[in-house]
Amino acid sequence: MAVPSDENEFLHELEIEVEAEVIQVESSRPEDAAALPVTDWLFDPADAEREEIGLRGLLAAVEVLEDDLRPGDPAD
């Protein structure tokens, strides 16, 4: 099954965007923020950790889709 290059390009761009978001969340260092008094928090560390988990799940799903849609793979 031939996959439109637009779909491959979309998945690749989505993967790049999600990876950038993961890097941004990691750099916020929620574990360090949690050690501060609540009044010093710029963000809720638990929210940042949940966001990172969700982004990693999305990234894994995009990678699976990319693997499944590679040209030359046998059709299901």
C-alpha atoms as a PDB file:
ATOM      1  CA  MET A   1       0.000   0.000   0.000  1.00  0.00           C
ATOM      2  CA  ALA A   2       1.489   3.298  -1.075  1.00  0.00           C
ATOM      3  CA  VAL A   3       1.324   5.999   1.555  1.00  0.00           C
ATOM      4  CA  PRO A   4       0.879   9.602   0.468  1.00  0.00           C
ATOM      5  CA  SER A   5       4.010  11.602   1.171  1.00  0.00           C
ATOM      6  CA  ASP A   6       1.810  14.256   2.813  1.00  0.00           C
ATOM      7  CA  GLU A   7       0.851  11.759   5.514  1.00  0.00           C
ATOM      8  CA  ASN A   8       4.473  10.733   6.075  1.00  0.00           C
ATOM      9  CA  GLU A   9       5.514  14.374   6.196  1.00  0.00           C
ATOM     10  CA  PHE A  10       2.738  15.189   8.658  1.00  0.00           C
ATOM     11  CA  LEU A  11       3.780  12.354  10.984  1.00  0.00           C
ATOM     12  CA  HIS A  12       7.433  13.386  10.778  1.00  0.00           C
ATOM     13  CA  GLU A  13       6.607  17.016  11.582  1.00  0.00           C
ATOM     14  CA  LEU A  14       4.315  15.923  14.419  1.00  0.00           C
ATOM     15  CA  GLU A  15       7.109  13.785  15.843  1.00  0.00           C
ATOM     16  CA  ILE A  16       9.505  16.752  15.756  1.00  0.00           C
ATOM     17  CA  GLU A  17       6.958  19.005  17.497  1.00  0.00           C
ATOM     18  CA  VAL A  18       6.207  16.443  20.218  1.00  0.00           C
ATOM     19  CA  GLU A  19       9.918  15.801  20.810  1.00  0.00           C
ATOM     20  CA  ALA A  20      10.419  19.555  21.248  1.00  0.00           C
ATOM     21  CA  GLU A  21       7.571  19.664  23.774  1.00  0.00           C
ATOM     22  CA  VAL A  22       9.078  16.735  25.707  1.00  0.00           C
ATOM     23  CA  ILE A  23      12.427  18.534  25.847  1.00  0.00           C
ATOM     24  CA  GLN A  24      10.711  21.685  27.106  1.00  0.00           C
ATOM     25  CA  VAL A  25       8.864  19.798  29.854  1.00  0.00           C
ATOM     26  CA  GLU A  26      12.046  17.961  30.859  1.00  0.00           C
ATOM     27  CA  SER A  27      13.930  21.252  31.088  1.00  0.00           C
ATOM     28  CA  SER A  28      11.322  22.618  33.495  1.00  0.00           C
ATOM     29  CA  ARG A  29      12.676  20.077  36.020  1.00  0.00           C
ATOM     30  CA  PRO A  30       9.439  19.440  37.909  1.00  0.00           C
ATOM     31  CA  GLU A  31      11.270  17.382  40.522  1.00  0.00           C
ATOM     32  CA  ASP A  32      13.290  20.468  41.503  1.00  0.00           C
ATOM     33  CA  ALA A  33      10.197  22.671  41.606  1.00  0.00           C
ATOM     34  CA  ALA A  34       8.479  20.197  43.923  1.00  0.00           C
ATOM     35  CA  ALA A  35      11.252  20.722  46.471  1.00  0.00           C
ATOM     36  CA  LEU A  36      10.471  24.453  46.663  1.00  0.00           C
ATOM     37  CA  PRO A  37       7.774  25.999  48.837  1.00  0.00           C
ATOM     38  CA  VAL A  38       4.427  26.109  47.018  1.00  0.00           C
ATOM     39  CA  THR A  39       4.526  29.898  47.010  1.00  0.00           C
ATOM     40  CA  ASP A  40       7.672  29.775  44.833  1.00  0.00           C
ATOM     41  CA  TRP A  41       6.220  27.445  42.180  1.00  0.00           C
ATOM     42  CA  LEU A  42       5.928  28.879  38.673  1.00  0.00           C
ATOM     43  CA  PHE A  43       3.946  25.765  37.678  1.00  0.00           C
ATOM     44  CA  ASP A  44       2.481  22.723  39.378  1.00  0.00           C
ATOM     45  CA  PRO A  45       5.134  19.966  39.180  1.00  0.00           C
ATOM     46  CA  ALA A  46       2.449  17.263  39.090  1.00  0.00           C
ATOM     47  CA  ASP A  47       0.896  18.910  36.018  1.00  0.00           C
ATOM     48  CA  ALA A  48       4.291  19.002  34.314  1.00  0.00           C
ATOM     49  CA  GLU A  49       4.867  15.312  35.036  1.00  0.00           C
ATOM     50  CA  ARG A  50       1.413  14.394  33.706  1.00  0.00           C
ATOM     51  CA  GLU A  51       2.076  16.440  30.577  1.00  0.00           C
ATOM     52  CA  GLU A  52       5.390  14.661  30.017  1.00  0.00           C
ATOM     53  CA  ILE A  53       3.733  11.251  30.376  1.00  0.00           C
ATOM     54  CA  GLY A  54       1.056  12.227  27.865  1.00  0.00           C
ATOM     55  CA  LEU A  55       3.611  13.595  25.410  1.00  0.00           C
ATOM     56  CA  ARG A  56       5.724  10.442  25.644  1.00  0.00           C
ATOM     57  CA  GLY A  57       2.616   8.357  24.916  1.00  0.00           C
ATOM     58  CA  LEU A  58       1.813  10.537  21.907  1.00  0.00           C
ATOM     59  CA  LEU A  59       5.404  10.282  20.693  1.00  0.00           C
ATOM     60  CA  ALA A  60       5.294   6.484  20.950  1.00  0.00           C
ATOM     61  CA  ALA A  61       2.031   6.399  18.992  1.00  0.00           C
ATOM     62  CA  VAL A  62       3.477   8.596  16.231  1.00  0.00           C
ATOM     63  CA  GLU A  63       6.543   6.366  15.999  1.00  0.00           C
ATOM     64  CA  VAL A  64       4.332   3.271  15.655  1.00  0.00           C
ATOM     65  CA  LEU A  65       2.312   4.943  12.896  1.00  0.00           C
ATOM     66  CA  GLU A  66       5.485   5.918  11.083  1.00  0.00           C
ATOM     67  CA  ASP A  67       6.762   2.342  11.294  1.00  0.00           C
ATOM     68  CA  ASP A  68       3.453   0.976  10.006  1.00  0.00           C
ATOM     69  CA  LEU A  69       3.319   3.386   7.062  1.00  0.00           C
ATOM     70  CA  ARG A  70       6.845   2.991   5.723  1.00  0.00           C
ATOM     71  CA  PRO A  71       6.878   2.522   1.949  1.00  0.00           C
ATOM     72  CA  GLY A  72       7.748  -0.976   0.862  1.00  0.00           C
ATOM     73  CA  ASP A  73       6.213  -2.652   3.879  1.00  0.00           C
ATOM     74  CA  PRO A  74       3.714  -5.359   3.018  1.00  0.00           C
ATOM     75  CA  ALA A  75       0.077  -4.259   3.290  1.00  0.00           C
ATOM     76  CA  ASP A  76      -1.989  -5.759   6.105  1.00  0.00           C
END
